[in-house]
Amino acid sequence: MNFSATMILAFGMSMDAFAASISKGAVLHKPRFREAFRTGLIFGVVEAITPLIGWGIGLLASQYVMEWDHWIAFTLLFVLGARMIYEGLKGREDDAPAIRRHGFWLLVTTAVATSLDAMAVGVGLAFLQVNILHTALAIGFATMLMATVGMMIGRFIGPLLGKRAEILGGLVLIGIGCLILSEHLSGAA
């Protein structure tokens, strides 16, 4: 696979993380670049690891991974999105502190949910003559960049949306989950 194809693959794989990070940035109260970079780093590391896992699985369990990855991603994103919608509808008391940082495990869970398709790509890459380490690093770097930018975009969208940002963010995560599910189900038909 040449450099151009690798970069197209890398940025294509980062789009789910980009959309999710916009919603994460919109929910936070004026996230700083440091928090955006932290989120990008978590998303990038997870996104770089998943194709390596898929590569390792290779032929052994490729049927199993491809049969279930979309259901796992859909379920995780749906639960996370529903939680965000619930929190947005519930609102917060006026004296409650503004959310300035997402928890590590919440970000890891969201990153895993948006990167399960990269594991399936890793399985596919096992059959091609590619340097999996270079490809995984490219995917991870593109995702880190896109998730960091997404958080900063969310910073500006959040104040415009106010309390609806969390509801909209939840809907975006559920939408990504539904898109992943429909792409796999329509591809299976």
N, C-alpha and C. Protein backbone atom coordinates (compact mmCIF):
# COMPACT_ATOMS: atom_id res chain seq x y z
N MET A 1 0.86 -1.17 0.00
CA MET A 1 0.00 0.00 0.00
C MET A 1 0.91 1.23 0.00
N ASN A 2 0.65 2.17 -0.92
CA ASN A 2 1.51 3.34 -1.02
C ASN A 2 1.13 4.39 0.04
N PHE A 3 1.92 5.46 0.10
CA PHE A 3 1.74 6.50 1.12
C PHE A 3 0.36 7.14 1.02
N SER A 4 -0.07 7.47 -0.19
CA SER A 4 -1.37 8.13 -0.38
C SER A 4 -2.51 7.24 0.12
N ALA A 5 -2.46 5.98 -0.24
CA ALA A 5 -3.51 5.05 0.19
C ALA A 5 -3.52 4.90 1.71
N THR A 6 -2.33 4.87 2.31
CA THR A 6 -2.23 4.76 3.77
C THR A 6 -2.84 5.99 4.43
N MET A 7 -2.55 7.19 3.89
CA MET A 7 -3.08 8.42 4.49
C MET A 7 -4.60 8.50 4.33
N ILE A 8 -5.11 8.09 3.18
CA ILE A 8 -6.57 8.08 2.98
C ILE A 8 -7.22 7.12 3.97
N LEU A 9 -6.64 5.95 4.12
CA LEU A 9 -7.14 4.98 5.09
C LEU A 9 -7.09 5.56 6.50
N ALA A 10 -5.97 6.16 6.86
CA ALA A 10 -5.78 6.70 8.21
C ALA A 10 -6.81 7.77 8.53
N PHE A 11 -6.98 8.73 7.63
CA PHE A 11 -7.95 9.80 7.91
C PHE A 11 -9.39 9.30 7.80
N GLY A 12 -9.63 8.34 6.93
CA GLY A 12 -10.96 7.73 6.87
C GLY A 12 -11.33 7.03 8.17
N MET A 13 -10.34 6.33 8.74
CA MET A 13 -10.58 5.62 10.00
C MET A 13 -10.77 6.59 11.17
N SER A 14 -10.30 7.82 11.04
CA SER A 14 -10.37 8.78 12.16
C SER A 14 -11.68 9.57 12.19
N MET A 15 -12.54 9.43 11.21
CA MET A 15 -13.74 10.26 11.13
C MET A 15 -14.73 10.02 12.29
N ASP A 16 -14.90 8.78 12.71
CA ASP A 16 -15.79 8.50 13.84
C ASP A 16 -15.26 9.18 15.11
N ALA A 17 -13.96 9.08 15.32
CA ALA A 17 -13.35 9.71 16.50
C ALA A 17 -13.48 11.23 16.41
N PHE A 18 -13.37 11.79 15.22
CA PHE A 18 -13.53 13.23 15.02
C PHE A 18 -14.92 13.68 15.44
N ALA A 19 -15.94 12.98 14.96
CA ALA A 19 -17.32 13.35 15.31
C ALA A 19 -17.57 13.19 16.81
N ALA A 20 -17.08 12.10 17.38
CA ALA A 20 -17.28 11.88 18.81
C ALA A 20 -16.55 12.95 19.64
N SER A 21 -15.37 13.35 19.20
CA SER A 21 -14.62 14.34 19.97
C SER A 21 -15.25 15.73 19.89
N ILE A 22 -15.92 16.04 18.79
CA ILE A 22 -16.65 17.31 18.72
C ILE A 22 -17.71 17.34 19.80
N SER A 23 -18.45 16.24 19.94
CA SER A 23 -19.49 16.21 20.98
C SER A 23 -18.88 16.24 22.37
N LYS A 24 -17.73 15.60 22.56
CA LYS A 24 -17.06 15.63 23.86
C LYS A 24 -16.59 17.05 24.18
N GLY A 25 -16.07 17.77 23.20
CA GLY A 25 -15.62 19.14 23.41
C GLY A 25 -16.76 20.09 23.66
N ALA A 26 -17.92 19.84 23.03
CA ALA A 26 -19.08 20.71 23.21
C ALA A 26 -19.65 20.62 24.62
N VAL A 27 -19.48 19.49 25.25
CA VAL A 27 -20.03 19.27 26.59
C VAL A 27 -19.19 19.96 27.67
N LEU A 28 -17.89 20.01 27.44
CA LEU A 28 -16.99 20.58 28.45
C LEU A 28 -17.10 22.11 28.49
N HIS A 29 -16.76 22.66 29.64
CA HIS A 29 -16.75 24.11 29.81
C HIS A 29 -15.39 24.64 29.37
N LYS A 30 -15.36 25.22 28.17
CA LYS A 30 -14.15 25.81 27.61
C LYS A 30 -12.91 24.92 27.75
N PRO A 31 -12.92 23.77 27.09
CA PRO A 31 -11.74 22.89 27.21
C PRO A 31 -10.51 23.58 26.65
N ARG A 32 -9.42 23.42 27.34
CA ARG A 32 -8.14 23.98 26.90
C ARG A 32 -7.49 23.00 25.92
N PHE A 33 -6.47 23.49 25.24
CA PHE A 33 -5.77 22.66 24.27
C PHE A 33 -5.20 21.41 24.93
N ARG A 34 -4.75 21.54 26.17
CA ARG A 34 -4.18 20.39 26.89
C ARG A 34 -5.20 19.26 27.01
N GLU A 35 -6.45 19.60 27.34
CA GLU A 35 -7.51 18.58 27.44
C GLU A 35 -7.84 18.02 26.06
N ALA A 36 -7.85 18.88 25.04
CA ALA A 36 -8.10 18.42 23.68
C ALA A 36 -7.00 17.46 23.23
N PHE A 37 -5.75 17.80 23.53
CA PHE A 37 -4.64 16.93 23.16
C PHE A 37 -4.70 15.61 23.93
N ARG A 38 -5.06 15.67 25.20
CA ARG A 38 -5.21 14.44 26.01
C ARG A 38 -6.25 13.53 25.39
N THR A 39 -7.38 14.10 25.00
CA THR A 39 -8.43 13.32 24.35
C THR A 39 -7.93 12.75 23.03
N GLY A 40 -7.26 13.59 22.23
CA GLY A 40 -6.71 13.12 20.96
C GLY A 40 -5.71 12.00 21.15
N LEU A 41 -4.87 12.13 22.17
CA LEU A 41 -3.87 11.11 22.45
C LEU A 41 -4.53 9.78 22.82
N ILE A 42 -5.54 9.83 23.69
CA ILE A 42 -6.25 8.60 24.08
C ILE A 42 -6.90 7.96 22.86
N PHE A 43 -7.62 8.77 22.07
CA PHE A 43 -8.27 8.23 20.88
C PHE A 43 -7.23 7.68 19.90
N GLY A 44 -6.12 8.40 19.71
CA GLY A 44 -5.10 7.97 18.77
C GLY A 44 -4.42 6.67 19.17
N VAL A 45 -4.10 6.53 20.46
CA VAL A 45 -3.46 5.30 20.94
C VAL A 45 -4.39 4.11 20.75
N VAL A 46 -5.65 4.29 21.14
CA VAL A 46 -6.61 3.18 20.99
C VAL A 46 -6.79 2.84 19.51
N GLU A 47 -6.90 3.87 18.68
CA GLU A 47 -7.10 3.64 17.24
C GLU A 47 -5.87 3.00 16.60
N ALA A 48 -4.68 3.23 17.14
CA ALA A 48 -3.47 2.59 16.61
C ALA A 48 -3.36 1.14 17.07
N ILE A 49 -3.85 0.85 18.26
CA ILE A 49 -3.75 -0.51 18.81
C ILE A 49 -4.74 -1.46 18.14
N THR A 50 -5.95 -0.98 17.85
CA THR A 50 -6.98 -1.89 17.34
C THR A 50 -6.64 -2.54 16.00
N PRO A 51 -6.02 -1.84 15.02
CA PRO A 51 -5.66 -2.60 13.81
C PRO A 51 -4.56 -3.63 14.07
N LEU A 52 -3.70 -3.35 15.05
CA LEU A 52 -2.67 -4.33 15.42
C LEU A 52 -3.32 -5.59 16.00
N ILE A 53 -4.35 -5.38 16.82
CA ILE A 53 -5.09 -6.53 17.38
C ILE A 53 -5.76 -7.30 16.24
N GLY A 54 -6.40 -6.54 15.33
CA GLY A 54 -7.04 -7.19 14.18
C GLY A 54 -6.05 -7.95 13.32
N TRP A 55 -4.89 -7.35 13.12
CA TRP A 55 -3.82 -8.01 12.36
C TRP A 55 -3.44 -9.32 13.04
N GLY A 56 -3.29 -9.28 14.36
CA GLY A 56 -2.91 -10.48 15.11
C GLY A 56 -3.97 -11.57 15.05
N ILE A 57 -5.20 -11.15 15.05
CA ILE A 57 -6.29 -12.13 14.98
C ILE A 57 -6.30 -12.81 13.61
N GLY A 58 -6.06 -11.98 12.57
CA GLY A 58 -5.94 -12.50 11.20
C GLY A 58 -7.01 -13.49 10.82
N LEU A 59 -6.61 -14.56 10.22
CA LEU A 59 -7.54 -15.58 9.74
C LEU A 59 -8.21 -16.36 10.87
N LEU A 60 -7.54 -16.45 11.99
CA LEU A 60 -8.02 -17.30 13.07
C LEU A 60 -9.46 -16.98 13.48
N ALA A 61 -9.75 -15.69 13.68
CA ALA A 61 -11.08 -15.34 14.17
C ALA A 61 -11.72 -14.25 13.33
N SER A 62 -11.31 -14.09 12.09
CA SER A 62 -11.83 -12.99 11.28
C SER A 62 -13.35 -13.06 11.12
N GLN A 63 -13.89 -14.25 10.94
CA GLN A 63 -15.34 -14.39 10.83
C GLN A 63 -16.04 -13.84 12.07
N TYR A 64 -15.52 -14.21 13.22
CA TYR A 64 -16.14 -13.79 14.48
C TYR A 64 -16.07 -12.27 14.65
N VAL A 65 -14.91 -11.67 14.39
CA VAL A 65 -14.74 -10.23 14.55
C VAL A 65 -15.67 -9.48 13.61
N MET A 66 -15.70 -9.89 12.36
CA MET A 66 -16.52 -9.18 11.39
C MET A 66 -18.01 -9.38 11.64
N GLU A 67 -18.39 -10.48 12.26
CA GLU A 67 -19.80 -10.71 12.56
C GLU A 67 -20.30 -9.86 13.71
N TRP A 68 -19.45 -9.53 14.65
CA TRP A 68 -19.91 -8.88 15.87
C TRP A 68 -19.38 -7.48 16.12
N ASP A 69 -18.36 -7.01 15.41
CA ASP A 69 -17.78 -5.71 15.74
C ASP A 69 -18.79 -4.57 15.64
N HIS A 70 -19.66 -4.61 14.65
CA HIS A 70 -20.64 -3.54 14.49
C HIS A 70 -21.68 -3.53 15.61
N TRP A 71 -22.04 -4.73 16.11
CA TRP A 71 -22.99 -4.79 17.23
C TRP A 71 -22.36 -4.27 18.52
N ILE A 72 -21.11 -4.59 18.74
CA ILE A 72 -20.42 -4.11 19.94
C ILE A 72 -20.27 -2.59 19.87
N ALA A 73 -19.83 -2.07 18.72
CA ALA A 73 -19.68 -0.62 18.57
C ALA A 73 -21.02 0.08 18.74
N PHE A 74 -22.06 -0.45 18.11
CA PHE A 74 -23.40 0.14 18.23
C PHE A 74 -23.85 0.18 19.69
N THR A 75 -23.70 -0.92 20.40
CA THR A 75 -24.14 -0.99 21.80
C THR A 75 -23.38 0.00 22.68
N LEU A 76 -22.06 0.02 22.55
CA LEU A 76 -21.26 0.95 23.35
C LEU A 76 -21.63 2.40 23.06
N LEU A 77 -21.73 2.76 21.78
CA LEU A 77 -22.06 4.14 21.43
C LEU A 77 -23.49 4.49 21.83
N PHE A 78 -24.40 3.54 21.72
CA PHE A 78 -25.78 3.79 22.12
C PHE A 78 -25.87 4.05 23.63
N VAL A 79 -25.20 3.22 24.41
CA VAL A 79 -25.22 3.39 25.88
C VAL A 79 -24.57 4.71 26.28
N LEU A 80 -23.41 5.02 25.69
CA LEU A 80 -22.76 6.30 26.00
C LEU A 80 -23.62 7.48 25.57
N GLY A 81 -24.20 7.39 24.38
CA GLY A 81 -25.07 8.47 23.89
C GLY A 81 -26.32 8.64 24.74
N ALA A 82 -26.94 7.53 25.12
CA ALA A 82 -28.14 7.60 25.97
C ALA A 82 -27.80 8.22 27.32
N ARG A 83 -26.63 7.89 27.83
CA ARG A 83 -26.19 8.47 29.11
C ARG A 83 -26.02 9.98 28.98
N MET A 84 -25.42 10.42 27.87
CA MET A 84 -25.25 11.86 27.65
C MET A 84 -26.59 12.57 27.50
N ILE A 85 -27.52 11.95 26.79
CA ILE A 85 -28.84 12.55 26.62
C ILE A 85 -29.54 12.65 27.97
N TYR A 86 -29.46 11.59 28.77
CA TYR A 86 -30.05 11.60 30.10
C TYR A 86 -29.48 12.73 30.95
N GLU A 87 -28.15 12.83 30.94
CA GLU A 87 -27.49 13.89 31.72
C GLU A 87 -27.90 15.27 31.22
N GLY A 88 -28.04 15.42 29.90
CA GLY A 88 -28.45 16.70 29.33
C GLY A 88 -29.88 17.08 29.68
N LEU A 89 -30.75 16.08 29.69
CA LEU A 89 -32.15 16.34 30.05
C LEU A 89 -32.31 16.58 31.53
N LYS A 90 -31.51 15.85 32.31
CA LYS A 90 -31.55 16.01 33.76
C LYS A 90 -31.06 17.39 34.15
N GLY A 91 -30.10 17.88 33.38
CA GLY A 91 -29.52 19.19 33.69
C GLY A 91 -28.65 19.10 34.92
N ARG A 92 -28.10 20.21 35.28
CA ARG A 92 -27.30 20.26 36.49
C ARG A 92 -27.73 21.47 37.29
N GLU A 93 -27.53 21.37 38.59
CA GLU A 93 -27.89 22.49 39.44
C GLU A 93 -26.99 23.67 39.11
N ASP A 94 -27.50 24.88 39.34
CA ASP A 94 -26.72 26.08 39.02
C ASP A 94 -25.44 26.19 39.84
N ASP A 95 -25.43 25.60 41.03
CA ASP A 95 -24.23 25.69 41.86
C ASP A 95 -23.25 24.54 41.59
N ALA A 96 -23.62 23.61 40.71
CA ALA A 96 -22.72 22.51 40.37
C ALA A 96 -21.58 23.04 39.51
N PRO A 97 -20.37 22.56 39.74
CA PRO A 97 -19.24 23.05 38.94
C PRO A 97 -19.36 22.59 37.49
N ALA A 98 -18.88 23.42 36.58
CA ALA A 98 -18.89 23.08 35.16
C ALA A 98 -17.92 21.92 34.92
N ILE A 99 -18.26 21.07 33.97
CA ILE A 99 -17.40 19.94 33.63
C ILE A 99 -16.21 20.47 32.85
N ARG A 100 -15.02 20.24 33.36
CA ARG A 100 -13.81 20.74 32.70
C ARG A 100 -12.98 19.62 32.08
N ARG A 101 -13.29 18.38 32.47
CA ARG A 101 -12.48 17.27 31.99
C ARG A 101 -13.32 16.00 31.99
N HIS A 102 -13.15 15.19 30.93
CA HIS A 102 -13.80 13.89 30.88
C HIS A 102 -12.93 12.87 31.60
N GLY A 103 -13.56 11.89 32.21
CA GLY A 103 -12.82 10.82 32.87
C GLY A 103 -12.06 9.97 31.86
N PHE A 104 -10.94 9.46 32.31
CA PHE A 104 -10.08 8.63 31.45
C PHE A 104 -10.85 7.45 30.87
N TRP A 105 -11.57 6.70 31.71
CA TRP A 105 -12.26 5.49 31.25
C TRP A 105 -13.42 5.81 30.33
N LEU A 106 -14.07 6.95 30.52
CA LEU A 106 -15.12 7.36 29.59
C LEU A 106 -14.52 7.61 28.21
N LEU A 107 -13.38 8.27 28.16
CA LEU A 107 -12.72 8.51 26.88
C LEU A 107 -12.23 7.22 26.24
N VAL A 108 -11.67 6.33 27.05
CA VAL A 108 -11.20 5.05 26.51
C VAL A 108 -12.37 4.25 25.95
N THR A 109 -13.48 4.21 26.68
CA THR A 109 -14.66 3.46 26.20
C THR A 109 -15.17 4.05 24.89
N THR A 110 -15.25 5.37 24.82
CA THR A 110 -15.69 6.00 23.58
C THR A 110 -14.71 5.72 22.45
N ALA A 111 -13.43 5.78 22.74
CA ALA A 111 -12.40 5.50 21.72
C ALA A 111 -12.49 4.07 21.23
N VAL A 112 -12.69 3.13 22.14
CA VAL A 112 -12.83 1.72 21.74
C VAL A 112 -14.06 1.55 20.85
N ALA A 113 -15.16 2.17 21.24
CA ALA A 113 -16.39 2.03 20.46
C ALA A 113 -16.23 2.58 19.05
N THR A 114 -15.50 3.69 18.92
CA THR A 114 -15.33 4.28 17.58
C THR A 114 -14.20 3.63 16.79
N SER A 115 -13.42 2.74 17.41
CA SER A 115 -12.28 2.15 16.69
C SER A 115 -12.42 0.67 16.41
N LEU A 116 -13.56 0.09 16.72
CA LEU A 116 -13.71 -1.35 16.44
C LEU A 116 -13.64 -1.66 14.95
N ASP A 117 -14.06 -0.70 14.13
CA ASP A 117 -13.93 -0.92 12.69
C ASP A 117 -12.47 -1.00 12.26
N ALA A 118 -11.59 -0.31 13.00
CA ALA A 118 -10.15 -0.39 12.70
C ALA A 118 -9.62 -1.79 12.97
N MET A 119 -10.23 -2.50 13.92
CA MET A 119 -9.81 -3.88 14.18
C MET A 119 -10.15 -4.75 12.97
N ALA A 120 -11.35 -4.54 12.43
CA ALA A 120 -11.74 -5.30 11.25
C ALA A 120 -10.83 -4.96 10.06
N VAL A 121 -10.46 -3.69 9.94
CA VAL A 121 -9.52 -3.28 8.89
C VAL A 121 -8.18 -3.99 9.10
N GLY A 122 -7.75 -4.09 10.34
CA GLY A 122 -6.51 -4.80 10.65
C GLY A 122 -6.55 -6.25 10.20
N VAL A 123 -7.71 -6.89 10.37
CA VAL A 123 -7.87 -8.26 9.89
C VAL A 123 -7.67 -8.30 8.38
N GLY A 124 -8.30 -7.34 7.69
CA GLY A 124 -8.15 -7.27 6.23
C GLY A 124 -6.72 -6.99 5.80
N LEU A 125 -6.04 -6.15 6.55
CA LEU A 125 -4.66 -5.81 6.21
C LEU A 125 -3.72 -7.00 6.38
N ALA A 126 -4.13 -7.98 7.17
CA ALA A 126 -3.30 -9.17 7.36
C ALA A 126 -3.12 -9.93 6.05
N PHE A 127 -4.01 -9.72 5.10
CA PHE A 127 -3.94 -10.44 3.83
C PHE A 127 -3.20 -9.64 2.76
N LEU A 128 -2.82 -8.40 3.07
CA LEU A 128 -2.13 -7.55 2.11
C LEU A 128 -0.67 -7.44 2.49
N GLN A 129 0.12 -7.04 1.55
CA GLN A 129 1.55 -6.84 1.80
C GLN A 129 1.76 -5.41 2.30
N VAL A 130 1.44 -5.16 3.58
CA VAL A 130 1.61 -3.83 4.16
C VAL A 130 2.46 -3.94 5.42
N ASN A 131 3.11 -2.86 5.74
CA ASN A 131 3.82 -2.78 7.01
C ASN A 131 2.78 -2.34 8.04
N ILE A 132 2.32 -3.27 8.84
CA ILE A 132 1.22 -3.00 9.77
C ILE A 132 1.60 -1.95 10.80
N LEU A 133 2.86 -1.92 11.21
CA LEU A 133 3.28 -0.92 12.21
C LEU A 133 3.17 0.49 11.65
N HIS A 134 3.64 0.69 10.42
CA HIS A 134 3.53 2.01 9.79
C HIS A 134 2.06 2.40 9.59
N THR A 135 1.27 1.45 9.15
CA THR A 135 -0.15 1.73 8.92
C THR A 135 -0.86 2.05 10.22
N ALA A 136 -0.61 1.27 11.26
CA ALA A 136 -1.25 1.51 12.57
C ALA A 136 -0.82 2.86 13.14
N LEU A 137 0.46 3.20 12.99
CA LEU A 137 0.94 4.50 13.47
C LEU A 137 0.29 5.64 12.69
N ALA A 138 0.12 5.47 11.39
CA ALA A 138 -0.54 6.50 10.58
C ALA A 138 -1.99 6.68 11.02
N ILE A 139 -2.67 5.57 11.26
CA ILE A 139 -4.07 5.63 11.72
C ILE A 139 -4.13 6.31 13.09
N GLY A 140 -3.24 5.94 13.99
CA GLY A 140 -3.22 6.53 15.32
C GLY A 140 -2.91 8.02 15.29
N PHE A 141 -1.94 8.41 14.45
CA PHE A 141 -1.59 9.83 14.36
C PHE A 141 -2.73 10.64 13.77
N ALA A 142 -3.34 10.14 12.69
CA ALA A 142 -4.46 10.85 12.07
C ALA A 142 -5.61 11.00 13.06
N THR A 143 -5.87 9.95 13.82
CA THR A 143 -6.95 10.00 14.80
C THR A 143 -6.62 10.98 15.92
N MET A 144 -5.38 10.98 16.38
CA MET A 144 -4.98 11.94 17.42
C MET A 144 -5.19 13.36 16.93
N LEU A 145 -4.77 13.63 15.71
CA LEU A 145 -4.92 14.96 15.14
C LEU A 145 -6.40 15.34 15.00
N MET A 146 -7.19 14.45 14.43
CA MET A 146 -8.60 14.74 14.19
C MET A 146 -9.40 14.87 15.49
N ALA A 147 -9.10 14.03 16.48
CA ALA A 147 -9.82 14.12 17.75
C ALA A 147 -9.44 15.40 18.50
N THR A 148 -8.19 15.81 18.42
CA THR A 148 -7.77 17.07 19.06
C THR A 148 -8.47 18.25 18.40
N VAL A 149 -8.48 18.27 17.08
CA VAL A 149 -9.17 19.34 16.35
C VAL A 149 -10.68 19.30 16.66
N GLY A 150 -11.23 18.10 16.71
CA GLY A 150 -12.66 17.96 17.02
C GLY A 150 -13.02 18.53 18.39
N MET A 151 -12.17 18.26 19.38
CA MET A 151 -12.41 18.83 20.72
C MET A 151 -12.40 20.35 20.67
N MET A 152 -11.47 20.93 19.93
CA MET A 152 -11.38 22.39 19.86
C MET A 152 -12.57 22.97 19.10
N ILE A 153 -13.05 22.28 18.08
CA ILE A 153 -14.27 22.72 17.39
C ILE A 153 -15.44 22.65 18.35
N GLY A 154 -15.51 21.58 19.13
CA GLY A 154 -16.57 21.42 20.13
C GLY A 154 -16.54 22.54 21.17
N ARG A 155 -15.36 23.04 21.46
CA ARG A 155 -15.22 24.15 22.42
C ARG A 155 -16.04 25.36 21.96
N PHE A 156 -16.05 25.62 20.66
CA PHE A 156 -16.78 26.77 20.14
C PHE A 156 -18.26 26.49 19.90
N ILE A 157 -18.56 25.24 19.63
CA ILE A 157 -19.96 24.87 19.41
C ILE A 157 -20.71 24.79 20.74
N GLY A 158 -20.04 24.30 21.79
CA GLY A 158 -20.67 24.12 23.09
C GLY A 158 -21.38 25.35 23.64
N PRO A 159 -20.71 26.50 23.72
CA PRO A 159 -21.39 27.70 24.24
C PRO A 159 -22.58 28.13 23.39
N LEU A 160 -22.54 27.86 22.10
CA LEU A 160 -23.67 28.22 21.24
C LEU A 160 -24.88 27.36 21.54
N LEU A 161 -24.63 26.12 21.91
CA LEU A 161 -25.72 25.17 22.16
C LEU A 161 -26.19 25.18 23.61
N GLY A 162 -25.34 25.63 24.51
CA GLY A 162 -25.70 25.66 25.93
C GLY A 162 -25.95 24.26 26.46
N LYS A 163 -27.03 24.09 27.21
CA LYS A 163 -27.33 22.80 27.83
C LYS A 163 -27.69 21.73 26.79
N ARG A 164 -28.06 22.16 25.60
CA ARG A 164 -28.42 21.19 24.55
C ARG A 164 -27.19 20.49 23.98
N ALA A 165 -25.99 20.97 24.30
CA ALA A 165 -24.76 20.37 23.76
C ALA A 165 -24.65 18.91 24.15
N GLU A 166 -24.95 18.59 25.41
CA GLU A 166 -24.84 17.21 25.86
C GLU A 166 -25.87 16.32 25.16
N ILE A 167 -27.07 16.84 24.99
CA ILE A 167 -28.12 16.08 24.28
C ILE A 167 -27.70 15.85 22.84
N LEU A 168 -27.22 16.90 22.18
CA LEU A 168 -26.77 16.78 20.80
C LEU A 168 -25.59 15.83 20.69
N GLY A 169 -24.65 15.92 21.65
CA GLY A 169 -23.51 15.01 21.66
C GLY A 169 -23.94 13.56 21.78
N GLY A 170 -24.92 13.30 22.65
CA GLY A 170 -25.46 11.95 22.79
C GLY A 170 -26.10 11.47 21.51
N LEU A 171 -26.84 12.35 20.86
CA LEU A 171 -27.47 11.99 19.59
C LEU A 171 -26.42 11.69 18.52
N VAL A 172 -25.31 12.45 18.52
CA VAL A 172 -24.23 12.20 17.56
C VAL A 172 -23.63 10.82 17.80
N LEU A 173 -23.36 10.47 19.07
CA LEU A 173 -22.79 9.14 19.35
C LEU A 173 -23.75 8.03 18.93
N ILE A 174 -25.03 8.20 19.24
CA ILE A 174 -26.02 7.19 18.82
C ILE A 174 -26.08 7.13 17.29
N GLY A 175 -26.01 8.29 16.64
CA GLY A 175 -26.02 8.33 15.18
C GLY A 175 -24.83 7.60 14.58
N ILE A 176 -23.64 7.80 15.16
CA ILE A 176 -22.45 7.09 14.69
C ILE A 176 -22.64 5.59 14.85
N GLY A 177 -23.19 5.18 16.00
CA GLY A 177 -23.46 3.76 16.24
C GLY A 177 -24.43 3.19 15.22
N CYS A 178 -25.49 3.94 14.93
CA CYS A 178 -26.48 3.49 13.94
C CYS A 178 -25.86 3.42 12.54
N LEU A 179 -25.00 4.39 12.22
CA LEU A 179 -24.33 4.38 10.92
C LEU A 179 -23.43 3.17 10.78
N ILE A 180 -22.65 2.88 11.80
CA ILE A 180 -21.78 1.71 11.78
C ILE A 180 -22.61 0.44 11.59
N LEU A 181 -23.70 0.34 12.35
CA LEU A 181 -24.57 -0.83 12.26
C LEU A 181 -25.19 -0.96 10.87
N SER A 182 -25.73 0.15 10.33
CA SER A 182 -26.39 0.07 9.03
C SER A 182 -25.39 -0.23 7.90
N GLU A 183 -24.16 0.33 7.99
CA GLU A 183 -23.15 0.03 6.97
C GLU A 183 -22.82 -1.45 6.96
N HIS A 184 -22.67 -2.05 8.12
CA HIS A 184 -22.34 -3.47 8.17
C HIS A 184 -23.51 -4.35 7.77
N LEU A 185 -24.72 -3.98 8.19
CA LEU A 185 -25.88 -4.79 7.83
C LEU A 185 -26.21 -4.68 6.35
N SER A 186 -26.06 -3.47 5.76
CA SER A 186 -26.33 -3.34 4.33
C SER A 186 -25.23 -4.00 3.51
N GLY A 187 -24.01 -4.04 4.03
CA GLY A 187 -22.91 -4.72 3.35
C GLY A 187 -23.06 -6.22 3.41
N ALA A 188 -23.74 -6.71 4.46
CA ALA A 188 -23.93 -8.15 4.62
C ALA A 188 -25.05 -8.68 3.72
N ALA A 189 -25.94 -7.79 3.30
CA ALA A 189 -27.08 -8.23 2.51
C ALA A 189 -26.72 -8.49 1.07
